[in-house]
mmCIF file of all heavy atoms, coordinates in Angstrom:
data_MODEL
# 
_entry.id   MODEL 
# 
loop_
_atom_site.group_PDB 
_atom_site.id 
_atom_site.type_symbol 
_atom_site.label_atom_id 
_atom_site.label_alt_id 
_atom_site.label_comp_id 
_atom_site.label_asym_id 
_atom_site.label_entity_id 
_atom_site.label_seq_id 
_atom_site.pdbx_PDB_ins_code 
_atom_site.Cartn_x 
_atom_site.Cartn_y 
_atom_site.Cartn_z 
_atom_site.occupancy 
_atom_site.B_iso_or_equiv 
_atom_site.pdbx_formal_charge 
_atom_site.auth_seq_id 
_atom_site.auth_comp_id 
_atom_site.auth_asym_id 
_atom_site.auth_atom_id 
_atom_site.pdbx_PDB_model_num 
ATOM 1   N N   . THR A 1 1  ? 104.995 117.380 121.074 1.00 0.00 ? 1  THR A N   1 
ATOM 2   C CA  . THR A 1 1  ? 103.863 118.101 121.690 1.00 0.00 ? 1  THR A CA  1 
ATOM 3   C C   . THR A 1 1  ? 102.686 117.087 121.705 1.00 0.00 ? 1  THR A C   1 
ATOM 4   O O   . THR A 1 1  ? 102.299 116.595 120.668 1.00 0.00 ? 1  THR A O   1 
ATOM 5   C CB  . THR A 1 1  ? 103.523 119.349 120.895 1.00 0.00 ? 1  THR A CB  1 
ATOM 6   O OG1 . THR A 1 1  ? 104.616 120.210 120.856 1.00 0.00 ? 1  THR A OG1 1 
ATOM 7   C CG2 . THR A 1 1  ? 102.300 120.064 121.460 1.00 0.00 ? 1  THR A CG2 1 
ATOM 8   N N   . VAL A 1 2  ? 102.081 116.899 122.858 1.00 0.00 ? 2  VAL A N   1 
ATOM 9   C CA  . VAL A 1 2  ? 101.011 115.948 123.048 1.00 0.00 ? 2  VAL A CA  1 
ATOM 10  C C   . VAL A 1 2  ? 99.671  116.663 123.100 1.00 0.00 ? 2  VAL A C   1 
ATOM 11  O O   . VAL A 1 2  ? 99.509  117.656 123.837 1.00 0.00 ? 2  VAL A O   1 
ATOM 12  C CB  . VAL A 1 2  ? 101.230 115.106 124.345 1.00 0.00 ? 2  VAL A CB  1 
ATOM 13  C CG1 . VAL A 1 2  ? 100.010 114.225 124.630 1.00 0.00 ? 2  VAL A CG1 1 
ATOM 14  C CG2 . VAL A 1 2  ? 102.491 114.283 124.236 1.00 0.00 ? 2  VAL A CG2 1 
ATOM 15  N N   . LEU A 1 3  ? 98.697  116.183 122.364 1.00 0.00 ? 3  LEU A N   1 
ATOM 16  C CA  . LEU A 1 3  ? 97.331  116.705 122.311 1.00 0.00 ? 3  LEU A CA  1 
ATOM 17  C C   . LEU A 1 3  ? 96.419  115.747 123.096 1.00 0.00 ? 3  LEU A C   1 
ATOM 18  O O   . LEU A 1 3  ? 96.428  114.565 122.852 1.00 0.00 ? 3  LEU A O   1 
ATOM 19  C CB  . LEU A 1 3  ? 96.837  116.852 120.893 1.00 0.00 ? 3  LEU A CB  1 
ATOM 20  C CG  . LEU A 1 3  ? 97.754  117.550 119.875 1.00 0.00 ? 3  LEU A CG  1 
ATOM 21  C CD1 . LEU A 1 3  ? 97.097  117.693 118.530 1.00 0.00 ? 3  LEU A CD1 1 
ATOM 22  C CD2 . LEU A 1 3  ? 98.248  118.887 120.403 1.00 0.00 ? 3  LEU A CD2 1 
ATOM 23  N N   . ARG A 1 4  ? 95.632  116.341 124.026 1.00 0.00 ? 4  ARG A N   1 
ATOM 24  C CA  . ARG A 1 4  ? 94.795  115.512 124.898 1.00 0.00 ? 4  ARG A CA  1 
ATOM 25  C C   . ARG A 1 4  ? 93.323  115.948 124.778 1.00 0.00 ? 4  ARG A C   1 
ATOM 26  O O   . ARG A 1 4  ? 93.004  117.022 124.425 1.00 0.00 ? 4  ARG A O   1 
ATOM 27  C CB  . ARG A 1 4  ? 95.210  115.626 126.334 1.00 0.00 ? 4  ARG A CB  1 
ATOM 28  C CG  . ARG A 1 4  ? 96.626  115.094 126.622 1.00 0.00 ? 4  ARG A CG  1 
ATOM 29  C CD  . ARG A 1 4  ? 96.959  115.204 128.099 1.00 0.00 ? 4  ARG A CD  1 
ATOM 30  N NE  . ARG A 1 4  ? 98.360  114.849 128.356 1.00 0.00 ? 4  ARG A NE  1 
ATOM 31  C CZ  . ARG A 1 4  ? 98.768  113.610 128.573 1.00 0.00 ? 4  ARG A CZ  1 
ATOM 32  N NH1 . ARG A 1 4  ? 97.851  112.629 128.588 1.00 0.00 ? 4  ARG A NH1 1 
ATOM 33  N NH2 . ARG A 1 4  ? 100.039 113.340 128.762 1.00 0.00 ? 4  ARG A NH2 1 
ATOM 34  N N   . ASP A 1 5  ? 92.420  114.977 125.149 1.00 0.00 ? 5  ASP A N   1 
ATOM 35  C CA  . ASP A 1 5  ? 90.981  115.323 125.168 1.00 0.00 ? 5  ASP A CA  1 
ATOM 36  C C   . ASP A 1 5  ? 90.606  115.729 126.590 1.00 0.00 ? 5  ASP A C   1 
ATOM 37  O O   . ASP A 1 5  ? 91.456  115.814 127.487 1.00 0.00 ? 5  ASP A O   1 
ATOM 38  C CB  . ASP A 1 5  ? 90.110  114.126 124.640 1.00 0.00 ? 5  ASP A CB  1 
ATOM 39  C CG  . ASP A 1 5  ? 90.242  112.912 125.555 1.00 0.00 ? 5  ASP A CG  1 
ATOM 40  O OD1 . ASP A 1 5  ? 90.846  112.992 126.656 1.00 0.00 ? 5  ASP A OD1 1 
ATOM 41  O OD2 . ASP A 1 5  ? 89.734  111.832 125.125 1.00 0.00 ? 5  ASP A OD2 1 
ATOM 42  N N   . ALA A 1 6  ? 89.297  115.954 126.810 1.00 0.00 ? 6  ALA A N   1 
ATOM 43  C CA  . ALA A 1 6  ? 88.844  116.417 128.100 1.00 0.00 ? 6  ALA A CA  1 
ATOM 44  C C   . ALA A 1 6  ? 89.061  115.418 129.231 1.00 0.00 ? 6  ALA A C   1 
ATOM 45  O O   . ALA A 1 6  ? 89.202  115.805 130.398 1.00 0.00 ? 6  ALA A O   1 
ATOM 46  C CB  . ALA A 1 6  ? 87.352  116.734 128.017 1.00 0.00 ? 6  ALA A CB  1 
ATOM 47  N N   . ALA A 1 7  ? 89.179  114.088 128.874 1.00 0.00 ? 7  ALA A N   1 
ATOM 48  C CA  . ALA A 1 7  ? 89.412  113.078 129.893 1.00 0.00 ? 7  ALA A CA  1 
ATOM 49  C C   . ALA A 1 7  ? 90.937  112.893 130.153 1.00 0.00 ? 7  ALA A C   1 
ATOM 50  O O   . ALA A 1 7  ? 91.290  112.043 130.957 1.00 0.00 ? 7  ALA A O   1 
ATOM 51  C CB  . ALA A 1 7  ? 88.768  111.797 129.461 1.00 0.00 ? 7  ALA A CB  1 
ATOM 52  N N   . GLY A 1 8  ? 91.741  113.611 129.463 1.00 0.00 ? 8  GLY A N   1 
ATOM 53  C CA  . GLY A 1 8  ? 93.193  113.496 129.642 1.00 0.00 ? 8  GLY A CA  1 
ATOM 54  C C   . GLY A 1 8  ? 93.836  112.437 128.785 1.00 0.00 ? 8  GLY A C   1 
ATOM 55  O O   . GLY A 1 8  ? 95.061  112.243 128.861 1.00 0.00 ? 8  GLY A O   1 
ATOM 56  N N   . ARG A 1 9  ? 93.074  111.778 127.895 1.00 0.00 ? 9  ARG A N   1 
ATOM 57  C CA  . ARG A 1 9  ? 93.657  110.746 127.039 1.00 0.00 ? 9  ARG A CA  1 
ATOM 58  C C   . ARG A 1 9  ? 94.516  111.437 125.925 1.00 0.00 ? 9  ARG A C   1 
ATOM 59  O O   . ARG A 1 9  ? 94.101  112.499 125.431 1.00 0.00 ? 9  ARG A O   1 
ATOM 60  C CB  . ARG A 1 9  ? 92.577  109.943 126.398 1.00 0.00 ? 9  ARG A CB  1 
ATOM 61  C CG  . ARG A 1 9  ? 91.810  109.051 127.391 1.00 0.00 ? 9  ARG A CG  1 
ATOM 62  C CD  . ARG A 1 9  ? 90.683  108.262 126.717 1.00 0.00 ? 9  ARG A CD  1 
ATOM 63  N NE  . ARG A 1 9  ? 89.763  109.235 126.045 1.00 0.00 ? 9  ARG A NE  1 
ATOM 64  C CZ  . ARG A 1 9  ? 88.626  108.870 125.412 1.00 0.00 ? 9  ARG A CZ  1 
ATOM 65  N NH1 . ARG A 1 9  ? 88.378  107.588 125.277 1.00 0.00 ? 9  ARG A NH1 1 
ATOM 66  N NH2 . ARG A 1 9  ? 87.867  109.772 124.922 1.00 0.00 ? 9  ARG A NH2 1 
ATOM 67  N N   . VAL A 1 10 ? 95.555  110.787 125.569 1.00 0.00 ? 10 VAL A N   1 
ATOM 68  C CA  . VAL A 1 10 ? 96.409  111.301 124.466 1.00 0.00 ? 10 VAL A CA  1 
ATOM 69  C C   . VAL A 1 10 ? 95.720  111.028 123.148 1.00 0.00 ? 10 VAL A C   1 
ATOM 70  O O   . VAL A 1 10 ? 95.435  109.890 122.761 1.00 0.00 ? 10 VAL A O   1 
ATOM 71  C CB  . VAL A 1 10 ? 97.786  110.639 124.474 1.00 0.00 ? 10 VAL A CB  1 
ATOM 72  C CG1 . VAL A 1 10 ? 98.634  111.117 123.337 1.00 0.00 ? 10 VAL A CG1 1 
ATOM 73  C CG2 . VAL A 1 10 ? 98.503  110.918 125.801 1.00 0.00 ? 10 VAL A CG2 1 
ATOM 74  N N   . LEU A 1 11 ? 95.414  112.113 122.408 1.00 0.00 ? 11 LEU A N   1 
ATOM 75  C CA  . LEU A 1 11 ? 94.778  111.991 121.111 1.00 0.00 ? 11 LEU A CA  1 
ATOM 76  C C   . LEU A 1 11 ? 95.794  111.791 119.980 1.00 0.00 ? 11 LEU A C   1 
ATOM 77  O O   . LEU A 1 11 ? 95.635  110.978 119.123 1.00 0.00 ? 11 LEU A O   1 
ATOM 78  C CB  . LEU A 1 11 ? 93.916  113.241 120.798 1.00 0.00 ? 11 LEU A CB  1 
ATOM 79  C CG  . LEU A 1 11 ? 92.758  113.521 121.729 1.00 0.00 ? 11 LEU A CG  1 
ATOM 80  C CD1 . LEU A 1 11 ? 92.184  114.884 121.411 1.00 0.00 ? 11 LEU A CD1 1 
ATOM 81  C CD2 . LEU A 1 11 ? 91.685  112.432 121.521 1.00 0.00 ? 11 LEU A CD2 1 
ATOM 82  N N   . ALA A 1 12 ? 96.869  112.565 120.089 1.00 0.00 ? 12 ALA A N   1 
ATOM 83  C CA  . ALA A 1 12 ? 97.893  112.536 119.039 1.00 0.00 ? 12 ALA A CA  1 
ATOM 84  C C   . ALA A 1 12 ? 99.186  113.114 119.562 1.00 0.00 ? 12 ALA A C   1 
ATOM 85  O O   . ALA A 1 12 ? 99.151  113.905 120.570 1.00 0.00 ? 12 ALA A O   1 
ATOM 86  C CB  . ALA A 1 12 ? 97.449  113.289 117.787 1.00 0.00 ? 12 ALA A CB  1 
ATOM 87  N N   . GLU A 1 13 ? 100.277 112.802 118.909 1.00 0.00 ? 13 GLU A N   1 
ATOM 88  C CA  . GLU A 1 13 ? 101.563 113.407 119.189 1.00 0.00 ? 13 GLU A CA  1 
ATOM 89  C C   . GLU A 1 13 ? 102.136 114.110 117.988 1.00 0.00 ? 13 GLU A C   1 
ATOM 90  O O   . GLU A 1 13 ? 102.088 113.544 116.870 1.00 0.00 ? 13 GLU A O   1 
ATOM 91  C CB  . GLU A 1 13 ? 102.583 112.339 119.649 1.00 0.00 ? 13 GLU A CB  1 
ATOM 92  C CG  . GLU A 1 13 ? 102.189 111.715 121.011 1.00 0.00 ? 13 GLU A CG  1 
ATOM 93  C CD  . GLU A 1 13 ? 103.236 110.713 121.502 1.00 0.00 ? 13 GLU A CD  1 
ATOM 94  O OE1 . GLU A 1 13 ? 104.161 110.376 120.709 1.00 0.00 ? 13 GLU A OE1 1 
ATOM 95  O OE2 . GLU A 1 13 ? 103.149 110.258 122.631 1.00 0.00 ? 13 GLU A OE2 1 
ATOM 96  N N   . VAL A 1 14 ? 102.568 115.330 118.156 1.00 0.00 ? 14 VAL A N   1 
ATOM 97  C CA  . VAL A 1 14 ? 103.179 116.075 117.045 1.00 0.00 ? 14 VAL A CA  1 
ATOM 98  C C   . VAL A 1 14 ? 104.644 116.169 117.347 1.00 0.00 ? 14 VAL A C   1 
ATOM 99  O O   . VAL A 1 14 ? 105.080 116.734 118.380 1.00 0.00 ? 14 VAL A O   1 
ATOM 100 C CB  . VAL A 1 14 ? 102.564 117.447 116.964 1.00 0.00 ? 14 VAL A CB  1 
ATOM 101 C CG1 . VAL A 1 14 ? 103.196 118.241 115.780 1.00 0.00 ? 14 VAL A CG1 1 
ATOM 102 C CG2 . VAL A 1 14 ? 101.059 117.397 116.760 1.00 0.00 ? 14 VAL A CG2 1 
ATOM 103 N N   . ALA A 1 15 ? 105.475 115.555 116.462 1.00 0.00 ? 15 ALA A N   1 
ATOM 104 C CA  . ALA A 1 15 ? 106.928 115.531 116.666 1.00 0.00 ? 15 ALA A CA  1 
ATOM 105 C C   . ALA A 1 15 ? 107.596 116.434 115.701 1.00 0.00 ? 15 ALA A C   1 
ATOM 106 O O   . ALA A 1 15 ? 107.507 116.292 114.463 1.00 0.00 ? 15 ALA A O   1 
ATOM 107 C CB  . ALA A 1 15 ? 107.435 114.100 116.495 1.00 0.00 ? 15 ALA A CB  1 
ATOM 108 N N   . ASP A 1 16 ? 108.362 117.386 116.207 1.00 0.00 ? 16 ASP A N   1 
ATOM 109 C CA  . ASP A 1 16 ? 109.136 118.345 115.367 1.00 0.00 ? 16 ASP A CA  1 
ATOM 110 C C   . ASP A 1 16 ? 110.571 117.827 115.361 1.00 0.00 ? 16 ASP A C   1 
ATOM 111 O O   . ASP A 1 16 ? 111.253 117.932 116.362 1.00 0.00 ? 16 ASP A O   1 
ATOM 112 C CB  . ASP A 1 16 ? 109.038 119.750 115.968 1.00 0.00 ? 16 ASP A CB  1 
ATOM 113 C CG  . ASP A 1 16 ? 109.674 120.817 115.121 1.00 0.00 ? 16 ASP A CG  1 
ATOM 114 O OD1 . ASP A 1 16 ? 110.417 120.450 114.180 1.00 0.00 ? 16 ASP A OD1 1 
ATOM 115 O OD2 . ASP A 1 16 ? 109.513 121.997 115.393 1.00 0.00 ? 16 ASP A OD2 1 
ATOM 116 N N   . ASP A 1 17 ? 111.001 117.311 114.212 1.00 0.00 ? 17 ASP A N   1 
ATOM 117 C CA  . ASP A 1 17 ? 112.311 116.594 114.150 1.00 0.00 ? 17 ASP A CA  1 
ATOM 118 C C   . ASP A 1 17 ? 113.333 117.390 113.355 1.00 0.00 ? 17 ASP A C   1 
ATOM 119 O O   . ASP A 1 17 ? 113.041 117.834 112.239 1.00 0.00 ? 17 ASP A O   1 
ATOM 120 C CB  . ASP A 1 17 ? 112.175 115.207 113.477 1.00 0.00 ? 17 ASP A CB  1 
ATOM 121 C CG  . ASP A 1 17 ? 111.321 114.237 114.339 1.00 0.00 ? 17 ASP A CG  1 
ATOM 122 O OD1 . ASP A 1 17 ? 111.177 114.514 115.517 1.00 0.00 ? 17 ASP A OD1 1 
ATOM 123 O OD2 . ASP A 1 17 ? 110.945 113.202 113.821 1.00 0.00 ? 17 ASP A OD2 1 
ATOM 124 N N   . THR A 1 18 ? 114.506 117.567 113.939 1.00 0.00 ? 18 THR A N   1 
ATOM 125 C CA  . THR A 1 18 ? 115.645 118.092 113.200 1.00 0.00 ? 18 THR A CA  1 
ATOM 126 C C   . THR A 1 18 ? 116.618 116.917 113.030 1.00 0.00 ? 18 THR A C   1 
ATOM 127 O O   . THR A 1 18 ? 117.126 116.377 114.007 1.00 0.00 ? 18 THR A O   1 
ATOM 128 C CB  . THR A 1 18 ? 116.300 119.271 113.994 1.00 0.00 ? 18 THR A CB  1 
ATOM 129 O OG1 . THR A 1 18 ? 115.339 120.296 114.179 1.00 0.00 ? 18 THR A OG1 1 
ATOM 130 C CG2 . THR A 1 18 ? 117.514 119.816 113.198 1.00 0.00 ? 18 THR A CG2 1 
ATOM 131 N N   . VAL A 1 19 ? 116.853 116.542 111.760 1.00 0.00 ? 19 VAL A N   1 
ATOM 132 C CA  . VAL A 1 19 ? 117.547 115.268 111.463 1.00 0.00 ? 19 VAL A CA  1 
ATOM 133 C C   . VAL A 1 19 ? 118.910 115.500 110.803 1.00 0.00 ? 19 VAL A C   1 
ATOM 134 O O   . VAL A 1 19 ? 118.995 116.354 109.897 1.00 0.00 ? 19 VAL A O   1 
ATOM 135 C CB  . VAL A 1 19 ? 116.645 114.390 110.536 1.00 0.00 ? 19 VAL A CB  1 
ATOM 136 C CG1 . VAL A 1 19 ? 117.275 113.004 110.335 1.00 0.00 ? 19 VAL A CG1 1 
ATOM 137 C CG2 . VAL A 1 19 ? 115.220 114.252 111.133 1.00 0.00 ? 19 VAL A CG2 1 
ATOM 138 N N   . THR A 1 20 ? 119.861 114.744 111.259 1.00 0.00 ? 20 THR A N   1 
ATOM 139 C CA  . THR A 1 20 ? 121.141 114.605 110.504 1.00 0.00 ? 20 THR A CA  1 
ATOM 140 C C   . THR A 1 20 ? 121.339 113.158 110.184 1.00 0.00 ? 20 THR A C   1 
ATOM 141 O O   . THR A 1 20 ? 121.333 112.317 111.094 1.00 0.00 ? 20 THR A O   1 
ATOM 142 C CB  . THR A 1 20 ? 122.335 115.141 111.348 1.00 0.00 ? 20 THR A CB  1 
ATOM 143 O OG1 . THR A 1 20 ? 122.089 116.520 111.743 1.00 0.00 ? 20 THR A OG1 1 
ATOM 144 C CG2 . THR A 1 20 ? 123.602 115.038 110.541 1.00 0.00 ? 20 THR A CG2 1 
ATOM 145 N N   . ALA A 1 21 ? 121.427 112.846 108.913 1.00 0.00 ? 21 ALA A N   1 
ATOM 146 C CA  . ALA A 1 21 ? 121.443 111.412 108.482 1.00 0.00 ? 21 ALA A CA  1 
ATOM 147 C C   . ALA A 1 21 ? 122.685 111.135 107.614 1.00 0.00 ? 21 ALA A C   1 
ATOM 148 O O   . ALA A 1 21 ? 123.165 111.966 106.841 1.00 0.00 ? 21 ALA A O   1 
ATOM 149 C CB  . ALA A 1 21 ? 120.198 111.147 107.614 1.00 0.00 ? 21 ALA A CB  1 
ATOM 150 N N   . THR A 1 22 ? 123.220 109.929 107.878 1.00 0.00 ? 22 THR A N   1 
ATOM 151 C CA  . THR A 1 22 ? 124.416 109.490 107.174 1.00 0.00 ? 22 THR A CA  1 
ATOM 152 C C   . THR A 1 22 ? 124.059 108.227 106.402 1.00 0.00 ? 22 THR A C   1 
ATOM 153 O O   . THR A 1 22 ? 123.595 107.219 107.079 1.00 0.00 ? 22 THR A O   1 
ATOM 154 C CB  . THR A 1 22 ? 125.599 109.228 108.084 1.00 0.00 ? 22 THR A CB  1 
ATOM 155 O OG1 . THR A 1 22 ? 125.926 110.458 108.785 1.00 0.00 ? 22 THR A OG1 1 
ATOM 156 C CG2 . THR A 1 22 ? 126.802 108.781 107.276 1.00 0.00 ? 22 THR A CG2 1 
ATOM 157 N N   . ALA A 1 23 ? 124.235 108.178 105.102 1.00 0.00 ? 23 ALA A N   1 
ATOM 158 C CA  . ALA A 1 23 ? 124.039 106.948 104.344 1.00 0.00 ? 23 ALA A CA  1 
ATOM 159 C C   . ALA A 1 23 ? 125.382 106.235 104.164 1.00 0.00 ? 23 ALA A C   1 
ATOM 160 O O   . ALA A 1 23 ? 126.405 106.955 103.952 1.00 0.00 ? 23 ALA A O   1 
ATOM 161 C CB  . ALA A 1 23 ? 123.453 107.275 103.010 1.00 0.00 ? 23 ALA A CB  1 
ATOM 162 N N   . PHE A 1 24 ? 125.407 104.924 104.290 1.00 0.00 ? 24 PHE A N   1 
ATOM 163 C CA  . PHE A 1 24 ? 126.645 104.179 104.108 1.00 0.00 ? 24 PHE A CA  1 
ATOM 164 C C   . PHE A 1 24 ? 126.697 103.632 102.685 1.00 0.00 ? 24 PHE A C   1 
ATOM 165 O O   . PHE A 1 24 ? 125.649 103.381 102.071 1.00 0.00 ? 24 PHE A O   1 
ATOM 166 C CB  . PHE A 1 24 ? 126.750 103.050 105.111 1.00 0.00 ? 24 PHE A CB  1 
ATOM 167 C CG  . PHE A 1 24 ? 126.732 103.476 106.559 1.00 0.00 ? 24 PHE A CG  1 
ATOM 168 C CD1 . PHE A 1 24 ? 125.789 103.018 107.414 1.00 0.00 ? 24 PHE A CD1 1 
ATOM 169 C CD2 . PHE A 1 24 ? 127.679 104.377 107.001 1.00 0.00 ? 24 PHE A CD2 1 
ATOM 170 C CE1 . PHE A 1 24 ? 125.753 103.412 108.727 1.00 0.00 ? 24 PHE A CE1 1 
ATOM 171 C CE2 . PHE A 1 24 ? 127.677 104.833 108.295 1.00 0.00 ? 24 PHE A CE2 1 
ATOM 172 C CZ  . PHE A 1 24 ? 126.670 104.322 109.241 1.00 0.00 ? 24 PHE A CZ  1 
ATOM 173 N N   . GLY A 1 25 ? 127.881 103.458 102.183 1.00 0.00 ? 25 GLY A N   1 
ATOM 174 C CA  . GLY A 1 25 ? 128.033 102.862 100.874 1.00 0.00 ? 25 GLY A CA  1 
ATOM 175 C C   . GLY A 1 25 ? 127.540 101.442 100.838 1.00 0.00 ? 25 GLY A C   1 
ATOM 176 O O   . GLY A 1 25 ? 127.549 100.756 101.879 1.00 0.00 ? 25 GLY A O   1 
ATOM 177 N N   . ALA A 1 26 ? 127.172 100.969 99.681  1.00 0.00 ? 26 ALA A N   1 
ATOM 178 C CA  . ALA A 1 26 ? 126.587 99.595  99.597  1.00 0.00 ? 26 ALA A CA  1 
ATOM 179 C C   . ALA A 1 26 ? 127.605 98.578  100.076 1.00 0.00 ? 26 ALA A C   1 
ATOM 180 O O   . ALA A 1 26 ? 128.694 98.457  99.550  1.00 0.00 ? 26 ALA A O   1 
ATOM 181 C CB  . ALA A 1 26 ? 126.221 99.296  98.141  1.00 0.00 ? 26 ALA A CB  1 
ATOM 182 N N   . GLY A 1 27 ? 127.200 97.819  101.125 1.00 0.00 ? 27 GLY A N   1 
ATOM 183 C CA  . GLY A 1 27 ? 128.025 96.769  101.663 1.00 0.00 ? 27 GLY A CA  1 
ATOM 184 C C   . GLY A 1 27 ? 129.233 97.221  102.451 1.00 0.00 ? 27 GLY A C   1 
ATOM 185 O O   . GLY A 1 27 ? 130.123 96.462  102.769 1.00 0.00 ? 27 GLY A O   1 
ATOM 186 N N   . THR A 1 28 ? 129.276 98.523  102.810 1.00 0.00 ? 28 THR A N   1 
ATOM 187 C CA  . THR A 1 28 ? 130.413 99.060  103.584 1.00 0.00 ? 28 THR A CA  1 
ATOM 188 C C   . THR A 1 28 ? 129.929 99.838  104.800 1.00 0.00 ? 28 THR A C   1 
ATOM 189 O O   . THR A 1 28 ? 128.712 100.140 104.905 1.00 0.00 ? 28 THR A O   1 
ATOM 190 C CB  . THR A 1 28 ? 131.319 99.977  102.739 1.00 0.00 ? 28 THR A CB  1 
ATOM 191 O OG1 . THR A 1 28 ? 130.627 101.233 102.582 1.00 0.00 ? 28 THR A OG1 1 
ATOM 192 C CG2 . THR A 1 28 ? 131.550 99.359  101.348 1.00 0.00 ? 28 THR A CG2 1 
# 
């Protein structure tokens, strides 16, 4: 979701993340 000012410039971005993460074994 992008937030803008009156001139249309991007002030900030709000990112809603749903994450699935896999860690690998050390050196494998």
